[in-house]
Amino acid sequence: MSMPVTMRALHQTSLNGPQDMRLVTDAPVPGPGRGEILIRVTAAGVNFAPSGSGGSCGRTATG
């Protein structure tokens, strides 16, 4: 199976929120470095909290 030359990617332009994420449809497919492998991803999800929002992913107990 041959690898494509381009891929789709999300580019986050700031830490202001998901409204600043842009879909790039012609990003170059990276080549694996020494000791690395390249895998094909067919589906992925993005959760805003760990995507650079700067907020805490957990809850703080009060009282």
PDB file of N, CA and C in Angstrom:
ATOM      1  N   MET A   1       0.845  -1.172   0.000  1.00  0.00           N
ATOM      2  CA  MET A   1       0.000   0.000   0.000  1.00  0.00           C
ATOM      3  C   MET A   1       0.896   1.242   0.000  1.00  0.00           C
ATOM      4  N   SER A   2       0.644   2.156  -0.900  1.00  0.00           N
ATOM      5  CA  SER A   2       1.457   3.366  -0.971  1.00  0.00           C
ATOM      6  C   SER A   2       0.912   4.444  -0.041  1.00  0.00           C
ATOM      7  N   MET A   3       1.804   5.291   0.444  1.00  0.00           N
ATOM      8  CA  MET A   3       1.414   6.384   1.325  1.00  0.00           C
ATOM      9  C   MET A   3       1.129   7.626   0.494  1.00  0.00           C
ATOM     10  N   PRO A   4       0.094   8.385   0.848  1.00  0.00           N
ATOM     11  CA  PRO A   4      -0.185   9.630   0.136  1.00  0.00           C
ATOM     12  C   PRO A   4       0.888  10.678   0.444  1.00  0.00           C
ATOM     13  N   VAL A   5       0.970  11.691  -0.376  1.00  0.00           N
ATOM     14  CA  VAL A   5       1.943  12.760  -0.203  1.00  0.00           C
ATOM     15  C   VAL A   5       1.407  13.827   0.756  1.00  0.00           C
ATOM     16  N   THR A   6       0.076  14.018   0.791  1.00  0.00           N
ATOM     17  CA  THR A   6      -0.525  15.006   1.679  1.00  0.00           C
ATOM     18  C   THR A   6      -1.548  14.353   2.593  1.00  0.00           C
ATOM     19  N   MET A   7      -1.901  15.096   3.652  1.00  0.00           N
ATOM     20  CA  MET A   7      -2.876  14.616   4.623  1.00  0.00           C
ATOM     21  C   MET A   7      -3.695  15.804   5.120  1.00  0.00           C
ATOM     22  N   ARG A   8      -4.777  15.521   5.841  1.00  0.00           N
ATOM     23  CA  ARG A   8      -5.553  16.571   6.501  1.00  0.00           C
ATOM     24  C   ARG A   8      -5.013  16.748   7.923  1.00  0.00           C
ATOM     25  N   ALA A   9      -5.001  17.987   8.408  1.00  0.00           N
ATOM     26  CA  ALA A   9      -4.496  18.280   9.753  1.00  0.00           C
ATOM     27  C   ALA A   9      -5.253  19.463  10.325  1.00  0.00           C
ATOM     28  N   LEU A  10      -5.314  19.549  11.648  1.00  0.00           N
ATOM     29  CA  LEU A  10      -5.869  20.718  12.314  1.00  0.00           C
ATOM     30  C   LEU A  10      -4.715  21.606  12.755  1.00  0.00           C
ATOM     31  N   HIS A  11      -4.821  22.888  12.470  1.00  0.00           N
ATOM     32  CA  HIS A  11      -3.800  23.853  12.867  1.00  0.00           C
ATOM     33  C   HIS A  11      -4.431  24.806  13.869  1.00  0.00           C
ATOM     34  N   GLN A  12      -3.901  24.848  15.086  1.00  0.00           N
ATOM     35  CA  GLN A  12      -4.414  25.736  16.125  1.00  0.00           C
ATOM     36  C   GLN A  12      -3.597  27.010  16.102  1.00  0.00           C
ATOM     37  N   THR A  13      -4.254  28.145  15.836  1.00  0.00           N
ATOM     38  CA  THR A  13      -3.543  29.413  15.660  1.00  0.00           C
ATOM     39  C   THR A  13      -3.398  30.216  16.944  1.00  0.00           C
ATOM     40  N   SER A  14      -4.105  29.849  18.025  1.00  0.00           N
ATOM     41  CA  SER A  14      -3.991  30.549  19.298  1.00  0.00           C
ATOM     42  C   SER A  14      -4.504  29.636  20.399  1.00  0.00           C
ATOM     43  N   LEU A  15      -4.458  30.137  21.621  1.00  0.00           N
ATOM     44  CA  LEU A  15      -4.998  29.386  22.757  1.00  0.00           C
ATOM     45  C   LEU A  15      -6.363  29.915  23.174  1.00  0.00           C
ATOM     46  N   ASN A  16      -7.020  30.674  22.304  1.00  0.00           N
ATOM     47  CA  ASN A  16      -8.298  31.294  22.632  1.00  0.00           C
ATOM     48  C   ASN A  16      -9.483  30.348  22.587  1.00  0.00           C
ATOM     49  N   GLY A  17      -9.363  29.223  21.948  1.00  0.00           N
ATOM     50  CA  GLY A  17     -10.469  28.280  21.897  1.00  0.00           C
ATOM     51  C   GLY A  17     -10.551  27.577  20.562  1.00  0.00           C
ATOM     52  N   PRO A  18     -11.519  26.680  20.439  1.00  0.00           N
ATOM     53  CA  PRO A  18     -11.625  25.873  19.219  1.00  0.00           C
ATOM     54  C   PRO A  18     -11.979  26.691  17.992  1.00  0.00           C
ATOM     55  N   GLN A  19     -12.485  27.908  18.159  1.00  0.00           N
ATOM     56  CA  GLN A  19     -12.810  28.744  17.002  1.00  0.00           C
ATOM     57  C   GLN A  19     -11.548  29.136  16.224  1.00  0.00           C
ATOM     58  N   ASP A  20     -10.378  28.984  16.823  1.00  0.00           N
ATOM     59  CA  ASP A  20      -9.127  29.321  16.148  1.00  0.00           C
ATOM     60  C   ASP A  20      -8.429  28.106  15.559  1.00  0.00           C
ATOM     61  N   MET A  21      -9.147  26.996  15.422  1.00  0.00           N
ATOM     62  CA  MET A  21      -8.594  25.817  14.760  1.00  0.00           C
ATOM     63  C   MET A  21      -8.980  25.858  13.292  1.00  0.00           C
ATOM     64  N   ARG A  22      -8.036  25.574  12.426  1.00  0.00           N
ATOM     65  CA  ARG A  22      -8.264  25.594  10.986  1.00  0.00           C
ATOM     66  C   ARG A  22      -7.905  24.234  10.387  1.00  0.00           C
ATOM     67  N   LEU A  23      -8.750  23.776   9.491  1.00  0.00           N
ATOM     68  CA  LEU A  23      -8.487  22.520   8.796  1.00  0.00           C
ATOM     69  C   LEU A  23      -7.550  22.778   7.629  1.00  0.00           C
ATOM     70  N   VAL A  24      -6.447  22.057   7.602  1.00  0.00           N
ATOM     71  CA  VAL A  24      -5.489  22.120   6.496  1.00  0.00           C
ATOM     72  C   VAL A  24      -5.656  20.830   5.709  1.00  0.00           C
ATOM     73  N   THR A  25      -6.045  20.928   4.452  1.00  0.00           N
ATOM     74  CA  THR A  25      -6.334  19.722   3.670  1.00  0.00           C
ATOM     75  C   THR A  25      -5.150  19.221   2.856  1.00  0.00           C
ATOM     76  N   ASP A  26      -4.061  19.998   2.806  1.00  0.00           N
ATOM     77  CA  ASP A  26      -2.915  19.581   2.003  1.00  0.00           C
ATOM     78  C   ASP A  26      -1.602  19.655   2.779  1.00  0.00           C
ATOM     79  N   ALA A  27      -1.643  19.258   4.054  1.00  0.00           N
ATOM     80  CA  ALA A  27      -0.424  19.220   4.863  1.00  0.00           C
ATOM     81  C   ALA A  27       0.462  18.065   4.386  1.00  0.00           C
ATOM     82  N   PRO A  28       1.772  18.261   4.356  1.00  0.00           N
ATOM     83  CA  PRO A  28       2.649  17.170   3.921  1.00  0.00           C
ATOM     84  C   PRO A  28       2.669  16.029   4.939  1.00  0.00           C
ATOM     85  N   VAL A  29       2.705  14.816   4.457  1.00  0.00           N
ATOM     86  CA  VAL A  29       2.820  13.644   5.327  1.00  0.00           C
ATOM     87  C   VAL A  29       4.256  13.592   5.835  1.00  0.00           C
ATOM     88  N   PRO A  30       4.452  13.553   7.171  1.00  0.00           N
ATOM     89  CA  PRO A  30       5.820  13.527   7.691  1.00  0.00           C
ATOM     90  C   PRO A  30       6.488  12.181   7.445  1.00  0.00           C
ATOM     91  N   GLY A  31       7.774  12.204   7.272  1.00  0.00           N
ATOM     92  CA  GLY A  31       8.536  10.963   7.138  1.00  0.00           C
ATOM     93  C   GLY A  31       9.040  10.534   8.502  1.00  0.00           C
ATOM     94  N   PRO A  32       9.057   9.247   8.776  1.00  0.00           N
ATOM     95  CA  PRO A  32       9.548   8.787  10.073  1.00  0.00           C
ATOM     96  C   PRO A  32      11.054   9.001  10.192  1.00  0.00           C
ATOM     97  N   GLY A  33      11.485   9.356  11.394  1.00  0.00           N
ATOM     98  CA  GLY A  33      12.906   9.487  11.673  1.00  0.00           C
ATOM     99  C   GLY A  33      13.498   8.152  12.058  1.00  0.00           C
ATOM    100  N   ARG A  34      14.774   8.178  12.384  1.00  0.00           N
ATOM    101  CA  ARG A  34      15.466   6.949  12.777  1.00  0.00           C
ATOM    102  C   ARG A  34      14.828   6.369  14.037  1.00  0.00           C
ATOM    103  N   GLY A  35      14.470   5.111  14.010  1.00  0.00           N
ATOM    104  CA  GLY A  35      13.861   4.436  15.144  1.00  0.00           C
ATOM    105  C   GLY A  35      12.369   4.721  15.294  1.00  0.00           C
ATOM    106  N   GLU A  36      11.758   5.376  14.308  1.00  0.00           N
ATOM    107  CA  GLU A  36      10.341   5.703  14.351  1.00  0.00           C
ATOM    108  C   GLU A  36       9.593   4.951  13.267  1.00  0.00           C
ATOM    109  N   ILE A  37       8.277   4.880  13.411  1.00  0.00           N
ATOM    110  CA  ILE A  37       7.429   4.303  12.382  1.00  0.00           C
ATOM    111  C   ILE A  37       6.350   5.314  12.027  1.00  0.00           C
ATOM    112  N   LEU A  38       5.760   5.179  10.879  1.00  0.00           N
ATOM    113  CA  LEU A  38       4.667   6.044  10.448  1.00  0.00           C
ATOM    114  C   LEU A  38       3.409   5.200  10.392  1.00  0.00           C
ATOM    115  N   ILE A  39       2.346   5.657  11.064  1.00  0.00           N
ATOM    116  CA  ILE A  39       1.084   4.925  11.053  1.00  0.00           C
ATOM    117  C   ILE A  39       0.018   5.748  10.345  1.00  0.00           C
ATOM    118  N   ARG A  40      -0.934   5.061   9.742  1.00  0.00           N
ATOM    119  CA  ARG A  40      -2.037   5.729   9.063  1.00  0.00           C
ATOM    120  C   ARG A  40      -3.193   5.855  10.061  1.00  0.00           C
ATOM    121  N   VAL A  41      -3.658   7.081  10.284  1.00  0.00           N
ATOM    122  CA  VAL A  41      -4.772   7.348  11.195  1.00  0.00           C
ATOM    123  C   VAL A  41      -6.008   7.578  10.337  1.00  0.00           C
ATOM    124  N   THR A  42      -7.060   6.799  10.571  1.00  0.00           N
ATOM    125  CA  THR A  42      -8.273   6.939   9.764  1.00  0.00           C
ATOM    126  C   THR A  42      -9.345   7.752  10.466  1.00  0.00           C
ATOM    127  N   ALA A  43      -9.253   7.902  11.791  1.00  0.00           N
ATOM    128  CA  ALA A  43     -10.216   8.715  12.533  1.00  0.00           C
ATOM    129  C   ALA A  43      -9.533   9.240  13.795  1.00  0.00           C
ATOM    130  N   ALA A  44      -9.852  10.469  14.170  1.00  0.00           N
ATOM    131  CA  ALA A  44      -9.286  11.069  15.377  1.00  0.00           C
ATOM    132  C   ALA A  44     -10.290  12.056  15.950  1.00  0.00           C
ATOM    133  N   GLY A  45     -10.197  12.318  17.221  1.00  0.00           N
ATOM    134  CA  GLY A  45     -11.057  13.296  17.874  1.00  0.00           C
ATOM    135  C   GLY A  45     -10.220  14.355  18.558  1.00  0.00           C
ATOM    136  N   VAL A  46     -10.814  15.514  18.768  1.00  0.00           N
ATOM    137  CA  VAL A  46     -10.129  16.602  19.457  1.00  0.00           C
ATOM    138  C   VAL A  46     -10.981  17.019  20.640  1.00  0.00           C
ATOM    139  N   ASN A  47     -10.396  16.970  21.824  1.00  0.00           N
ATOM    140  CA  ASN A  47     -11.056  17.419  23.035  1.00  0.00           C
ATOM    141  C   ASN A  47     -10.455  18.769  23.383  1.00  0.00           C
ATOM    142  N   PHE A  48     -11.259  19.807  23.503  1.00  0.00           N
ATOM    143  CA  PHE A  48     -10.735  21.153  23.690  1.00  0.00           C
ATOM    144  C   PHE A  48      -9.865  21.292  24.934  1.00  0.00           C
ATOM    145  N   ALA A  49     -10.225  20.673  26.046  1.00  0.00           N
ATOM    146  CA  ALA A  49      -9.480  20.861  27.293  1.00  0.00           C
ATOM    147  C   ALA A  49      -7.991  20.539  27.150  1.00  0.00           C
ATOM    148  N   PRO A  50      -7.589  19.384  26.609  1.00  0.00           N
ATOM    149  CA  PRO A  50      -6.157  19.123  26.499  1.00  0.00           C
ATOM    150  C   PRO A  50      -5.519  19.687  25.234  1.00  0.00           C
ATOM    151  N   SER A  51      -6.257  20.396  24.413  1.00  0.00           N
ATOM    152  CA  SER A  51      -5.688  20.868  23.158  1.00  0.00           C
ATOM    153  C   SER A  51      -5.017  22.233  23.272  1.00  0.00           C
ATOM    154  N   GLY A  52      -4.633  22.616  24.490  1.00  0.00           N
ATOM    155  CA  GLY A  52      -3.903  23.856  24.648  1.00  0.00           C
ATOM    156  C   GLY A  52      -4.719  24.983  25.244  1.00  0.00           C
ATOM    157  N   SER A  53      -5.835  24.659  25.889  1.00  0.00           N
ATOM    158  CA  SER A  53      -6.685  25.705  26.454  1.00  0.00           C
ATOM    159  C   SER A  53      -6.067  26.354  27.678  1.00  0.00           C
ATOM    160  N   GLY A  54      -5.080  25.696  28.281  1.00  0.00           N
ATOM    161  CA  GLY A  54      -4.435  26.242  29.459  1.00  0.00           C
ATOM    162  C   GLY A  54      -5.201  26.002  30.747  1.00  0.00           C
ATOM    163  N   GLY A  55      -6.375  25.420  30.635  1.00  0.00           N
ATOM    164  CA  GLY A  55      -7.197  25.153  31.807  1.00  0.00           C
ATOM    165  C   GLY A  55      -6.884  23.815  32.421  1.00  0.00           C
ATOM    166  N   SER A  56      -7.437  23.588  33.579  1.00  0.00           N
ATOM    167  CA  SER A  56      -7.251  22.328  34.271  1.00  0.00           C
ATOM    168  C   SER A  56      -8.204  21.288  33.698  1.00  0.00           C
ATOM    169  N   CYS A  57      -7.717  20.087  33.543  1.00  0.00           N
ATOM    170  CA  CYS A  57      -8.572  18.997  33.050  1.00  0.00           C
ATOM    171  C   CYS A  57      -9.342  18.350  34.188  1.00  0.00           C
ATOM    172  N   GLY A  58      -8.894  18.566  35.411  1.00  0.00           N
ATOM    173  CA  GLY A  58      -9.561  17.954  36.558  1.00  0.00           C
ATOM    174  C   GLY A  58     -10.434  18.947  37.295  1.00  0.00           C
ATOM    175  N   ARG A  59     -11.053  18.475  38.349  1.00  0.00           N
ATOM    176  CA  ARG A  59     -11.899  19.333  39.165  1.00  0.00           C
ATOM    177  C   ARG A  59     -11.210  19.553  40.510  1.00  0.00           C
ATOM    178  N   THR A  60     -11.420  20.724  41.050  1.00  0.00           N
ATOM    179  CA  THR A  60     -10.837  21.067  42.347  1.00  0.00           C
ATOM    180  C   THR A  60     -11.914  20.918  43.414  1.00  0.00           C
ATOM    181  N   ALA A  61     -11.601  20.173  44.452  1.00  0.00           N
ATOM    182  CA  ALA A  61     -12.555  20.010  45.560  1.00  0.00           C
ATOM    183  C   ALA A  61     -12.501  21.242  46.445  1.00  0.00           C
ATOM    184  N   THR A  62     -13.658  21.746  46.826  1.00  0.00           N
ATOM    185  CA  THR A  62     -13.724  22.895  47.726  1.00  0.00           C
ATOM    186  C   THR A  62     -14.543  22.531  48.952  1.00  0.00           C
ATOM    187  N   GLY A  63     -14.334  23.279  50.032  1.00  0.00           N
ATOM    188  CA  GLY A  63     -15.152  23.094  51.225  1.00  0.00           C
ATOM    189  C   GLY A  63     -14.471  22.261  52.177  1.00  0.00           C
TER     190      GLY A  63
END
